[in-house]
């Protein structure tokens, strides 16, 4: 049996996560889901959007399924997603894209992989001070 950390997420995240779990289980994959809370649910429960038990679970299981997470505004915490990228040195975001036979589309025979670098520029959540009235992310 595989162990997977499940972070349901915020907003529509729990619905998406549960639908995904249902599909995976219907496929017959035997998984023990280690359900942990991050984001708004974790702030309500632990006063921390990314509690240590989430990091420990991902480190122990080596794999996680994460729903969308809200970045709390004005909390002093930039982003759970950025924190996870940094904690686990998640260098790239790999996005495969391909067309499906029989599905009408503007272009056919698409087969490409987009690799987006996670640790620099805008995607890293780094903000630069310019002057007292301006900043850039």
N, C-alpha and C. Protein backbone atom coordinates (compact mmCIF):
# COMPACT_ATOMS: atom_id res chain seq x y z
N UNK A 1 0.85 -1.18 0.00
CA UNK A 1 0.00 0.00 0.00
C UNK A 1 0.89 1.24 0.00
N UNK A 2 0.52 2.21 -0.82
CA UNK A 2 1.24 3.47 -0.91
C UNK A 2 0.71 4.44 0.15
N UNK A 3 1.58 5.28 0.67
CA UNK A 3 1.18 6.34 1.59
C UNK A 3 1.37 7.68 0.88
N UNK A 4 0.32 8.49 0.89
CA UNK A 4 0.35 9.78 0.21
C UNK A 4 -0.21 10.84 1.15
N UNK A 5 0.50 11.94 1.26
CA UNK A 5 0.00 13.08 2.02
C UNK A 5 -1.08 13.76 1.19
N UNK A 6 -2.23 14.01 1.80
CA UNK A 6 -3.33 14.70 1.12
C UNK A 6 -3.59 16.02 1.83
N UNK A 7 -3.40 17.11 1.10
CA UNK A 7 -3.70 18.45 1.60
C UNK A 7 -4.92 18.93 0.81
N UNK A 8 -6.13 18.85 1.39
CA UNK A 8 -7.33 19.18 0.62
C UNK A 8 -7.35 20.60 0.06
N UNK A 9 -6.82 21.57 0.80
CA UNK A 9 -6.77 22.94 0.30
C UNK A 9 -7.93 23.78 0.79
N UNK A 10 -8.08 24.93 0.17
CA UNK A 10 -9.09 25.92 0.55
C UNK A 10 -10.08 26.11 -0.60
N UNK A 11 -11.20 26.77 -0.30
CA UNK A 11 -12.18 27.07 -1.34
C UNK A 11 -12.71 25.80 -1.98
N UNK A 12 -12.52 25.67 -3.29
CA UNK A 12 -12.98 24.46 -3.99
C UNK A 12 -12.00 23.30 -3.83
N UNK A 13 -10.88 23.55 -3.17
CA UNK A 13 -9.85 22.53 -3.00
C UNK A 13 -10.35 21.21 -2.44
N UNK A 14 -11.10 21.22 -1.31
CA UNK A 14 -11.57 19.95 -0.76
C UNK A 14 -12.45 19.15 -1.73
N UNK A 15 -13.28 19.85 -2.52
CA UNK A 15 -14.11 19.15 -3.51
C UNK A 15 -13.25 18.51 -4.59
N UNK A 16 -12.24 19.25 -5.06
CA UNK A 16 -11.34 18.72 -6.08
C UNK A 16 -10.55 17.54 -5.52
N UNK A 17 -10.05 17.69 -4.30
CA UNK A 17 -9.26 16.62 -3.68
C UNK A 17 -10.08 15.35 -3.52
N UNK A 18 -11.31 15.50 -3.03
CA UNK A 18 -12.16 14.31 -2.82
C UNK A 18 -12.51 13.64 -4.14
N UNK A 19 -12.78 14.42 -5.18
CA UNK A 19 -13.06 13.84 -6.50
C UNK A 19 -11.84 13.08 -7.01
N UNK A 20 -10.66 13.64 -6.80
CA UNK A 20 -9.43 12.98 -7.23
C UNK A 20 -9.22 11.68 -6.47
N UNK A 21 -9.43 11.70 -5.16
CA UNK A 21 -9.31 10.49 -4.34
C UNK A 21 -10.27 9.42 -4.84
N UNK A 22 -11.50 9.81 -5.13
CA UNK A 22 -12.51 8.87 -5.62
C UNK A 22 -12.06 8.21 -6.93
N UNK A 23 -11.53 9.01 -7.84
CA UNK A 23 -11.06 8.49 -9.13
C UNK A 23 -9.89 7.53 -8.94
N UNK A 24 -8.93 7.92 -8.10
CA UNK A 24 -7.76 7.06 -7.87
C UNK A 24 -8.18 5.75 -7.23
N UNK A 25 -9.07 5.82 -6.25
CA UNK A 25 -9.54 4.59 -5.59
C UNK A 25 -10.34 3.72 -6.56
N UNK A 26 -11.13 4.34 -7.45
CA UNK A 26 -11.89 3.57 -8.44
C UNK A 26 -10.97 2.85 -9.41
N UNK A 27 -9.77 3.40 -9.60
CA UNK A 27 -8.79 2.76 -10.48
C UNK A 27 -8.11 1.56 -9.80
N UNK A 28 -8.42 1.36 -8.53
CA UNK A 28 -7.88 0.20 -7.82
C UNK A 28 -6.53 0.41 -7.17
N UNK A 29 -6.06 1.65 -7.14
CA UNK A 29 -4.77 1.93 -6.50
C UNK A 29 -4.97 1.93 -4.99
N UNK A 30 -4.15 1.16 -4.30
CA UNK A 30 -4.25 1.05 -2.84
C UNK A 30 -3.40 2.15 -2.20
N UNK A 31 -4.07 3.13 -1.62
CA UNK A 31 -3.37 4.26 -1.01
C UNK A 31 -3.93 4.50 0.38
N UNK A 32 -3.00 4.72 1.31
CA UNK A 32 -3.39 5.24 2.63
C UNK A 32 -3.19 6.74 2.55
N UNK A 33 -4.26 7.50 2.69
CA UNK A 33 -4.20 8.95 2.59
C UNK A 33 -3.90 9.53 3.97
N UNK A 34 -2.80 10.22 4.09
CA UNK A 34 -2.44 10.92 5.31
C UNK A 34 -2.97 12.34 5.16
N UNK A 35 -4.16 12.60 5.68
CA UNK A 35 -4.83 13.89 5.50
C UNK A 35 -4.30 14.91 6.50
N UNK A 36 -3.81 16.02 5.98
CA UNK A 36 -3.28 17.09 6.81
C UNK A 36 -3.87 18.42 6.34
N UNK A 37 -3.82 19.41 7.21
CA UNK A 37 -4.41 20.71 6.87
C UNK A 37 -3.33 21.76 6.71
N UNK A 38 -3.47 22.55 5.65
CA UNK A 38 -2.61 23.70 5.41
C UNK A 38 -3.52 24.83 4.92
N UNK A 39 -3.00 26.03 4.86
CA UNK A 39 -3.79 27.16 4.39
C UNK A 39 -4.74 27.67 5.45
N UNK A 40 -5.92 28.11 5.03
CA UNK A 40 -6.87 28.72 5.96
C UNK A 40 -7.34 27.76 7.05
N UNK A 41 -7.57 26.50 6.70
CA UNK A 41 -8.00 25.51 7.70
C UNK A 41 -6.94 25.34 8.78
N UNK A 42 -5.68 25.38 8.40
CA UNK A 42 -4.59 25.23 9.37
C UNK A 42 -4.46 26.47 10.24
N UNK A 43 -4.70 27.65 9.66
CA UNK A 43 -4.65 28.87 10.47
C UNK A 43 -5.72 28.81 11.55
N UNK A 44 -6.92 28.37 11.19
CA UNK A 44 -8.01 28.26 12.16
C UNK A 44 -7.66 27.28 13.28
N UNK A 45 -7.01 26.18 12.92
CA UNK A 45 -6.74 25.11 13.89
C UNK A 45 -5.41 25.29 14.62
N UNK A 46 -4.35 25.68 13.88
CA UNK A 46 -3.00 25.72 14.45
C UNK A 46 -2.40 27.13 14.53
N UNK A 47 -3.10 28.12 13.99
CA UNK A 47 -2.58 29.50 13.88
C UNK A 47 -1.32 29.56 13.02
N UNK A 48 -1.23 28.66 12.06
CA UNK A 48 -0.07 28.57 11.17
C UNK A 48 -0.56 28.00 9.84
N UNK A 49 -0.33 28.68 8.72
CA UNK A 49 -0.81 28.16 7.43
C UNK A 49 -0.05 26.93 6.94
N UNK A 50 1.13 26.68 7.50
CA UNK A 50 1.91 25.50 7.11
C UNK A 50 2.52 24.88 8.36
N UNK A 51 1.71 24.13 9.13
CA UNK A 51 2.23 23.53 10.36
C UNK A 51 3.30 22.47 10.07
N UNK A 52 4.14 22.24 11.05
CA UNK A 52 5.24 21.30 10.91
C UNK A 52 4.76 19.89 10.56
N UNK A 53 3.57 19.49 11.04
CA UNK A 53 3.09 18.14 10.74
C UNK A 53 2.86 17.93 9.24
N UNK A 54 2.57 19.00 8.51
CA UNK A 54 2.41 18.89 7.05
C UNK A 54 3.76 18.60 6.40
N UNK A 55 4.77 19.36 6.79
CA UNK A 55 6.12 19.15 6.25
C UNK A 55 6.61 17.75 6.61
N UNK A 56 6.39 17.33 7.86
CA UNK A 56 6.83 16.00 8.30
C UNK A 56 6.14 14.90 7.50
N UNK A 57 4.84 15.05 7.26
CA UNK A 57 4.09 14.05 6.50
C UNK A 57 4.62 13.92 5.08
N UNK A 58 4.84 15.06 4.42
CA UNK A 58 5.36 15.02 3.04
C UNK A 58 6.75 14.40 3.03
N UNK A 59 7.59 14.78 3.99
CA UNK A 59 8.95 14.23 4.05
C UNK A 59 8.89 12.71 4.27
N UNK A 60 8.02 12.25 5.14
CA UNK A 60 7.90 10.81 5.43
C UNK A 60 7.34 10.03 4.24
N UNK A 61 6.31 10.57 3.60
CA UNK A 61 5.63 9.85 2.52
C UNK A 61 6.29 10.03 1.16
N UNK A 62 7.05 11.08 1.00
CA UNK A 62 7.78 11.39 -0.24
C UNK A 62 6.87 11.76 -1.41
N UNK A 63 5.57 11.88 -1.17
CA UNK A 63 4.65 12.28 -2.23
C UNK A 63 3.42 12.93 -1.58
N UNK A 64 2.88 13.95 -2.27
CA UNK A 64 1.70 14.64 -1.74
C UNK A 64 0.77 15.02 -2.87
N UNK A 65 -0.51 15.06 -2.56
CA UNK A 65 -1.53 15.58 -3.46
C UNK A 65 -2.11 16.80 -2.75
N UNK A 66 -2.05 17.96 -3.43
CA UNK A 66 -2.43 19.22 -2.79
C UNK A 66 -3.50 19.93 -3.61
N UNK A 67 -4.57 20.32 -2.94
CA UNK A 67 -5.58 21.16 -3.57
C UNK A 67 -5.12 22.61 -3.55
N UNK A 68 -5.87 23.51 -4.20
CA UNK A 68 -5.52 24.93 -4.20
C UNK A 68 -5.52 25.49 -2.78
N UNK A 69 -4.54 26.34 -2.49
CA UNK A 69 -4.44 26.95 -1.17
C UNK A 69 -4.50 28.47 -1.28
N UNK A 70 -5.19 29.09 -0.34
CA UNK A 70 -5.29 30.54 -0.28
C UNK A 70 -4.06 31.10 0.42
N UNK A 71 -3.53 32.19 -0.10
CA UNK A 71 -2.45 32.89 0.59
C UNK A 71 -3.10 33.94 1.49
N UNK A 72 -2.96 33.79 2.82
CA UNK A 72 -3.60 34.74 3.72
C UNK A 72 -2.97 36.13 3.59
N UNK A 73 -3.79 37.13 3.35
CA UNK A 73 -3.32 38.50 3.17
C UNK A 73 -3.11 39.14 4.54
N UNK A 74 -1.98 39.82 4.69
CA UNK A 74 -1.70 40.55 5.91
C UNK A 74 -1.30 39.69 7.09
N UNK A 75 -0.95 38.44 6.84
CA UNK A 75 -0.59 37.54 7.94
C UNK A 75 0.91 37.47 8.16
N UNK A 76 1.68 38.08 7.26
CA UNK A 76 3.13 37.98 7.36
C UNK A 76 3.66 36.72 6.70
N UNK A 77 2.76 35.91 6.14
CA UNK A 77 3.16 34.67 5.48
C UNK A 77 2.92 34.86 4.00
N UNK A 78 3.97 34.73 3.18
CA UNK A 78 3.83 35.00 1.75
C UNK A 78 2.90 34.03 1.06
N UNK A 79 3.22 32.75 1.14
CA UNK A 79 2.45 31.76 0.40
C UNK A 79 2.84 30.36 0.86
N UNK A 80 1.83 29.52 1.10
CA UNK A 80 2.10 28.12 1.45
C UNK A 80 2.80 27.45 0.28
N UNK A 81 2.37 27.76 -0.94
CA UNK A 81 2.98 27.14 -2.12
C UNK A 81 4.47 27.49 -2.22
N UNK A 82 4.81 28.76 -2.00
CA UNK A 82 6.21 29.17 -2.05
C UNK A 82 6.99 28.49 -0.93
N UNK A 83 6.41 28.42 0.26
CA UNK A 83 7.09 27.77 1.38
C UNK A 83 7.36 26.29 1.09
N UNK A 84 6.39 25.60 0.48
CA UNK A 84 6.59 24.19 0.12
C UNK A 84 7.67 24.04 -0.95
N UNK A 85 7.68 24.93 -1.94
CA UNK A 85 8.71 24.88 -2.97
C UNK A 85 10.10 25.02 -2.36
N UNK A 86 10.23 25.97 -1.44
CA UNK A 86 11.53 26.20 -0.82
C UNK A 86 11.92 25.05 0.11
N UNK A 87 10.99 24.59 0.92
CA UNK A 87 11.27 23.52 1.88
C UNK A 87 11.76 22.25 1.20
N UNK A 88 11.14 21.91 0.07
CA UNK A 88 11.47 20.66 -0.61
C UNK A 88 12.30 20.87 -1.88
N UNK A 89 12.78 22.09 -2.07
CA UNK A 89 13.63 22.41 -3.22
C UNK A 89 12.99 21.94 -4.52
N UNK A 90 11.74 22.33 -4.70
CA UNK A 90 10.98 21.94 -5.90
C UNK A 90 11.35 22.90 -7.02
N UNK A 91 12.36 22.54 -7.76
CA UNK A 91 12.98 23.42 -8.74
C UNK A 91 12.07 23.77 -9.91
N UNK A 92 11.30 22.80 -10.40
CA UNK A 92 10.55 23.08 -11.62
C UNK A 92 9.10 22.61 -11.52
N UNK A 93 8.28 23.24 -12.33
CA UNK A 93 6.89 22.88 -12.49
C UNK A 93 6.77 22.34 -13.92
N UNK A 94 6.49 21.07 -14.04
CA UNK A 94 6.43 20.42 -15.35
C UNK A 94 4.97 20.30 -15.77
N UNK A 95 4.64 20.86 -16.94
CA UNK A 95 3.26 20.85 -17.45
C UNK A 95 3.20 20.22 -18.83
N UNK A 96 2.87 18.93 -18.91
CA UNK A 96 2.71 18.32 -20.24
C UNK A 96 1.39 18.77 -20.87
N UNK A 97 1.38 18.88 -22.17
CA UNK A 97 0.17 19.25 -22.91
C UNK A 97 0.13 18.45 -24.20
N UNK A 98 -1.01 17.85 -24.47
CA UNK A 98 -1.16 17.12 -25.74
C UNK A 98 -2.62 17.12 -26.15
N UNK A 99 -2.82 17.01 -27.45
CA UNK A 99 -4.18 16.98 -27.97
C UNK A 99 -4.73 15.56 -27.86
N UNK A 100 -6.05 15.48 -27.83
CA UNK A 100 -6.73 14.19 -27.75
C UNK A 100 -7.39 13.89 -29.10
N UNK A 101 -7.17 12.69 -29.56
CA UNK A 101 -7.77 12.26 -30.82
C UNK A 101 -9.29 12.32 -30.71
N UNK A 102 -9.93 12.91 -31.71
CA UNK A 102 -11.38 12.99 -31.74
C UNK A 102 -11.96 14.21 -31.03
N UNK A 103 -11.10 15.00 -30.40
CA UNK A 103 -11.57 16.21 -29.72
C UNK A 103 -11.20 17.41 -30.59
N UNK A 104 -12.21 18.14 -31.09
CA UNK A 104 -11.91 19.27 -31.96
C UNK A 104 -11.12 20.35 -31.21
N UNK A 105 -10.11 20.89 -31.86
CA UNK A 105 -9.29 21.95 -31.27
C UNK A 105 -8.72 22.80 -32.39
N UNK A 106 -8.24 23.96 -32.04
CA UNK A 106 -7.64 24.85 -33.03
C UNK A 106 -6.44 24.18 -33.71
N UNK A 107 -5.63 23.47 -32.92
CA UNK A 107 -4.45 22.78 -33.46
C UNK A 107 -4.54 21.31 -33.09
N UNK A 108 -4.09 20.46 -34.01
CA UNK A 108 -4.07 19.03 -33.69
C UNK A 108 -2.62 18.56 -33.57
N UNK A 109 -2.46 17.37 -33.07
CA UNK A 109 -1.15 16.75 -32.91
C UNK A 109 -0.22 17.59 -32.03
N UNK A 110 -0.78 18.14 -30.96
CA UNK A 110 0.03 18.88 -29.98
C UNK A 110 0.64 17.87 -29.01
N UNK A 111 1.92 17.96 -28.80
CA UNK A 111 2.62 17.11 -27.83
C UNK A 111 3.82 17.90 -27.32
N UNK A 112 3.63 18.58 -26.21
CA UNK A 112 4.74 19.38 -25.70
C UNK A 112 4.77 19.34 -24.18
N UNK A 113 5.91 19.69 -23.63
CA UNK A 113 6.09 19.77 -22.19
C UNK A 113 6.66 21.15 -21.88
N UNK A 114 5.99 21.86 -21.00
CA UNK A 114 6.47 23.17 -20.56
C UNK A 114 7.10 22.98 -19.19
N UNK A 115 8.33 23.45 -19.04
CA UNK A 115 9.02 23.38 -17.76
C UNK A 115 9.19 24.81 -17.26
N UNK A 116 8.57 25.10 -16.14
CA UNK A 116 8.64 26.44 -15.57
C UNK A 116 9.52 26.40 -14.32
N UNK A 117 10.50 27.26 -14.28
CA UNK A 117 11.44 27.30 -13.17
C UNK A 117 10.74 27.90 -11.95
N UNK A 118 10.85 27.26 -10.80
CA UNK A 118 10.10 27.63 -9.60
C UNK A 118 10.83 28.53 -8.62
N UNK A 119 12.12 28.67 -8.73
CA UNK A 119 12.87 29.26 -7.62
C UNK A 119 13.33 30.69 -7.84
N UNK A 120 13.01 31.29 -8.96
CA UNK A 120 13.43 32.67 -9.22
C UNK A 120 12.25 33.47 -9.76
N UNK A 121 12.47 34.76 -9.86
CA UNK A 121 11.51 35.69 -10.45
C UNK A 121 10.16 35.67 -9.73
N UNK A 122 9.09 35.90 -10.47
CA UNK A 122 7.76 36.06 -9.89
C UNK A 122 7.26 34.80 -9.20
N UNK A 123 7.58 33.64 -9.74
CA UNK A 123 7.04 32.39 -9.25
C UNK A 123 7.57 32.04 -7.86
N UNK A 124 8.69 32.61 -7.47
CA UNK A 124 9.28 32.32 -6.16
C UNK A 124 8.68 33.17 -5.05
N UNK A 125 7.89 34.17 -5.40
CA UNK A 125 7.29 35.03 -4.39
C UNK A 125 8.29 35.98 -3.77
N UNK A 126 9.32 36.34 -4.52
CA UNK A 126 10.35 37.24 -4.02
C UNK A 126 9.92 38.68 -4.33
N UNK A 127 9.95 39.52 -3.33
CA UNK A 127 9.58 40.92 -3.51
C UNK A 127 10.83 41.77 -3.36
N UNK A 128 10.97 42.78 -4.21
CA UNK A 128 12.13 43.66 -4.20
C UNK A 128 11.71 45.06 -3.78
N UNK A 129 12.44 45.65 -2.85
CA UNK A 129 12.19 47.01 -2.38
C UNK A 129 12.74 47.99 -3.40
N UNK A 130 11.95 48.96 -3.80
CA UNK A 130 12.39 49.98 -4.75
C UNK A 130 12.54 51.32 -4.02
N UNK A 131 11.48 51.78 -3.39
CA UNK A 131 11.52 52.98 -2.55
C UNK A 131 10.32 52.89 -1.60
N UNK A 132 10.15 53.86 -0.68
CA UNK A 132 9.08 53.74 0.32
C UNK A 132 7.67 53.57 -0.24
N UNK A 133 7.44 53.99 -1.47
CA UNK A 133 6.08 53.90 -2.01
C UNK A 133 5.92 52.79 -3.05
N UNK A 134 6.99 52.04 -3.32
CA UNK A 134 6.91 51.03 -4.38
C UNK A 134 7.65 49.76 -4.00
N UNK A 135 7.18 48.66 -4.57
CA UNK A 135 7.90 47.39 -4.49
C UNK A 135 7.54 46.59 -5.73
N UNK A 136 8.34 45.62 -6.03
CA UNK A 136 8.09 44.78 -7.20
C UNK A 136 8.22 43.33 -6.80
N UNK A 137 7.34 42.51 -7.35
CA UNK A 137 7.42 41.08 -7.06
C UNK A 137 7.88 40.35 -8.29
